[in-house]
Amino acid sequence: MHRQRATGAPTGGARRGQDAKKRGEAWVGPDYLASVVPPVLNALVDADARVRYYACEALYNIAKARPWH
């Protein structure tokens, strides 16, 4: 689901993504997953419960932000 303004219109990023999808374009942004995910995965085994919790939250946000086709 894309974010929307109070008026019901999609926000800038969502609108651009929808426009690209209509044109049949694939996501062409740099793929940072290889550099972002490993440190977050390492944090999942940290001794501090807060670190593990925020690592889970970070993985959720990474998965939510990554465009899947």
N, C-alpha and C. Protein backbone atom coordinates (compact mmCIF):
# COMPACT_ATOMS: atom_id res chain seq x y z
N MET A 1 0.84 -1.17 0.00
CA MET A 1 0.00 0.00 0.00
C MET A 1 0.88 1.23 0.00
N HIS A 2 0.55 2.19 -0.83
CA HIS A 2 1.33 3.41 -0.93
C HIS A 2 0.80 4.46 0.04
N ARG A 3 1.71 5.30 0.50
CA ARG A 3 1.30 6.40 1.36
C ARG A 3 0.48 7.38 0.56
N GLN A 4 -0.46 8.02 1.23
CA GLN A 4 -1.28 9.00 0.56
C GLN A 4 -1.39 10.26 1.41
N ARG A 5 -1.61 11.36 0.74
CA ARG A 5 -1.87 12.62 1.45
C ARG A 5 -3.29 12.56 2.00
N ALA A 6 -3.62 13.53 2.82
CA ALA A 6 -4.97 13.60 3.39
C ALA A 6 -6.01 13.74 2.30
N THR A 7 -5.61 14.26 1.15
CA THR A 7 -6.55 14.43 0.04
C THR A 7 -6.79 13.12 -0.71
N GLY A 8 -6.00 12.10 -0.40
CA GLY A 8 -6.13 10.82 -1.09
C GLY A 8 -5.14 10.66 -2.22
N ALA A 9 -4.40 11.72 -2.55
CA ALA A 9 -3.41 11.63 -3.63
C ALA A 9 -2.13 11.00 -3.10
N PRO A 10 -1.49 10.13 -3.87
CA PRO A 10 -0.25 9.52 -3.40
C PRO A 10 0.86 10.55 -3.22
N THR A 11 1.79 10.27 -2.32
CA THR A 11 2.93 11.16 -2.11
C THR A 11 3.90 11.03 -3.27
N GLY A 12 4.91 11.90 -3.31
CA GLY A 12 5.85 11.95 -4.44
C GLY A 12 6.51 10.64 -4.77
N GLY A 13 7.09 9.96 -3.78
CA GLY A 13 7.79 8.72 -4.05
C GLY A 13 6.87 7.63 -4.55
N ALA A 14 5.70 7.52 -3.96
CA ALA A 14 4.73 6.52 -4.39
C ALA A 14 4.24 6.83 -5.79
N ARG A 15 4.04 8.10 -6.07
CA ARG A 15 3.55 8.50 -7.39
C ARG A 15 4.59 8.16 -8.46
N ARG A 16 5.86 8.45 -8.19
CA ARG A 16 6.91 8.12 -9.15
C ARG A 16 7.00 6.63 -9.38
N GLY A 17 6.87 5.85 -8.31
CA GLY A 17 6.90 4.41 -8.44
C GLY A 17 5.74 3.88 -9.27
N GLN A 18 4.57 4.45 -9.07
CA GLN A 18 3.41 4.03 -9.85
C GLN A 18 3.59 4.40 -11.31
N ASP A 19 4.14 5.59 -11.58
CA ASP A 19 4.35 6.02 -12.96
C ASP A 19 5.34 5.10 -13.66
N ALA A 20 6.42 4.73 -12.98
CA ALA A 20 7.41 3.84 -13.57
C ALA A 20 6.81 2.47 -13.82
N LYS A 21 5.98 2.02 -12.90
CA LYS A 21 5.35 0.72 -13.07
C LYS A 21 4.42 0.71 -14.28
N LYS A 22 3.68 1.82 -14.49
CA LYS A 22 2.80 1.92 -15.65
C LYS A 22 3.58 1.85 -16.95
N ARG A 23 4.78 2.44 -16.95
CA ARG A 23 5.60 2.44 -18.16
C ARG A 23 6.36 1.12 -18.34
N GLY A 24 6.26 0.21 -17.37
CA GLY A 24 6.93 -1.08 -17.48
C GLY A 24 8.40 -1.03 -17.12
N GLU A 25 8.81 0.02 -16.43
CA GLU A 25 10.21 0.15 -16.05
C GLU A 25 10.50 -0.62 -14.77
N ALA A 26 11.65 -1.20 -14.70
CA ALA A 26 12.08 -1.88 -13.48
C ALA A 26 12.74 -0.87 -12.56
N TRP A 27 12.85 -1.22 -11.30
CA TRP A 27 13.52 -0.36 -10.33
C TRP A 27 15.00 -0.30 -10.69
N VAL A 28 15.55 0.89 -10.84
CA VAL A 28 16.93 1.03 -11.28
C VAL A 28 17.82 1.66 -10.22
N GLY A 29 17.32 1.82 -9.01
CA GLY A 29 18.13 2.40 -7.94
C GLY A 29 19.25 1.46 -7.53
N PRO A 30 20.27 1.99 -6.88
CA PRO A 30 21.38 1.14 -6.44
C PRO A 30 20.90 0.11 -5.43
N ASP A 31 21.49 -1.05 -5.48
CA ASP A 31 21.09 -2.12 -4.59
C ASP A 31 22.02 -2.13 -3.37
N TYR A 32 21.53 -1.56 -2.28
CA TYR A 32 22.33 -1.46 -1.06
C TYR A 32 22.13 -2.65 -0.13
N LEU A 33 21.33 -3.61 -0.51
CA LEU A 33 21.03 -4.71 0.40
C LEU A 33 22.29 -5.46 0.83
N ALA A 34 23.22 -5.64 -0.09
CA ALA A 34 24.43 -6.39 0.24
C ALA A 34 25.26 -5.71 1.33
N SER A 35 25.17 -4.40 1.43
CA SER A 35 25.94 -3.71 2.46
C SER A 35 25.13 -3.38 3.70
N VAL A 36 23.81 -3.37 3.59
CA VAL A 36 22.96 -2.97 4.71
C VAL A 36 22.52 -4.16 5.56
N VAL A 37 22.17 -5.25 4.92
CA VAL A 37 21.57 -6.38 5.64
C VAL A 37 22.54 -7.12 6.56
N PRO A 38 23.78 -7.44 6.16
CA PRO A 38 24.65 -8.21 7.06
C PRO A 38 24.86 -7.61 8.45
N PRO A 39 25.11 -6.30 8.60
CA PRO A 39 25.24 -5.77 9.96
C PRO A 39 23.95 -5.90 10.78
N VAL A 40 22.81 -5.77 10.11
CA VAL A 40 21.54 -5.91 10.81
C VAL A 40 21.35 -7.35 11.26
N LEU A 41 21.71 -8.30 10.41
CA LEU A 41 21.62 -9.71 10.79
C LEU A 41 22.54 -10.02 11.97
N ASN A 42 23.73 -9.43 11.98
CA ASN A 42 24.65 -9.63 13.12
C ASN A 42 24.05 -9.09 14.41
N ALA A 43 23.30 -8.01 14.32
CA ALA A 43 22.70 -7.41 15.50
C ALA A 43 21.60 -8.30 16.09
N LEU A 44 21.06 -9.22 15.30
CA LEU A 44 20.00 -10.11 15.80
C LEU A 44 20.50 -11.08 16.87
N VAL A 45 21.79 -11.27 16.97
CA VAL A 45 22.34 -12.19 17.98
C VAL A 45 23.05 -11.43 19.10
N ASP A 46 22.84 -10.13 19.19
CA ASP A 46 23.45 -9.32 20.24
C ASP A 46 22.90 -9.72 21.60
N ALA A 47 23.68 -9.50 22.64
CA ALA A 47 23.26 -9.85 24.00
C ALA A 47 22.15 -8.93 24.51
N ASP A 48 22.12 -7.70 24.04
CA ASP A 48 21.14 -6.72 24.51
C ASP A 48 19.82 -6.91 23.76
N ALA A 49 18.74 -7.07 24.49
CA ALA A 49 17.42 -7.30 23.89
C ALA A 49 16.97 -6.10 23.06
N ARG A 50 17.35 -4.89 23.48
CA ARG A 50 16.95 -3.71 22.71
C ARG A 50 17.61 -3.69 21.34
N VAL A 51 18.86 -4.13 21.28
CA VAL A 51 19.56 -4.18 19.99
C VAL A 51 18.88 -5.18 19.08
N ARG A 52 18.51 -6.35 19.62
CA ARG A 52 17.82 -7.36 18.82
C ARG A 52 16.46 -6.84 18.35
N TYR A 53 15.75 -6.16 19.21
CA TYR A 53 14.44 -5.60 18.84
C TYR A 53 14.58 -4.61 17.69
N TYR A 54 15.53 -3.68 17.81
CA TYR A 54 15.69 -2.68 16.75
C TYR A 54 16.25 -3.29 15.47
N ALA A 55 16.99 -4.38 15.58
CA ALA A 55 17.45 -5.08 14.38
C ALA A 55 16.25 -5.68 13.65
N CYS A 56 15.31 -6.24 14.40
CA CYS A 56 14.08 -6.76 13.80
C CYS A 56 13.30 -5.65 13.12
N GLU A 57 13.18 -4.52 13.80
CA GLU A 57 12.48 -3.38 13.22
C GLU A 57 13.17 -2.91 11.94
N ALA A 58 14.49 -2.90 11.97
CA ALA A 58 15.24 -2.46 10.79
C ALA A 58 15.03 -3.41 9.62
N LEU A 59 15.04 -4.72 9.88
CA LEU A 59 14.80 -5.68 8.81
C LEU A 59 13.41 -5.51 8.23
N TYR A 60 12.44 -5.27 9.08
CA TYR A 60 11.08 -5.04 8.61
C TYR A 60 11.04 -3.82 7.68
N ASN A 61 11.68 -2.74 8.09
CA ASN A 61 11.69 -1.52 7.30
C ASN A 61 12.45 -1.70 5.99
N ILE A 62 13.53 -2.46 6.02
CA ILE A 62 14.28 -2.74 4.79
C ILE A 62 13.41 -3.53 3.82
N ALA A 63 12.74 -4.56 4.33
CA ALA A 63 11.88 -5.37 3.47
C ALA A 63 10.70 -4.56 2.93
N LYS A 64 10.18 -3.67 3.75
CA LYS A 64 9.04 -2.85 3.34
C LYS A 64 9.45 -1.84 2.26
N ALA A 65 10.66 -1.33 2.35
CA ALA A 65 11.12 -0.29 1.42
C ALA A 65 11.65 -0.86 0.11
N ARG A 66 12.07 -2.11 0.13
CA ARG A 66 12.65 -2.72 -1.07
C ARG A 66 11.55 -3.04 -2.06
N PRO A 67 11.65 -2.55 -3.29
CA PRO A 67 10.62 -2.85 -4.29
C PRO A 67 10.77 -4.28 -4.80
N TRP A 68 9.75 -5.06 -4.65
CA TRP A 68 9.75 -6.44 -5.12
C TRP A 68 8.92 -6.52 -6.38
N HIS A 69 9.44 -7.22 -7.35
CA HIS A 69 8.70 -7.34 -8.63
C HIS A 69 8.34 -8.77 -8.86
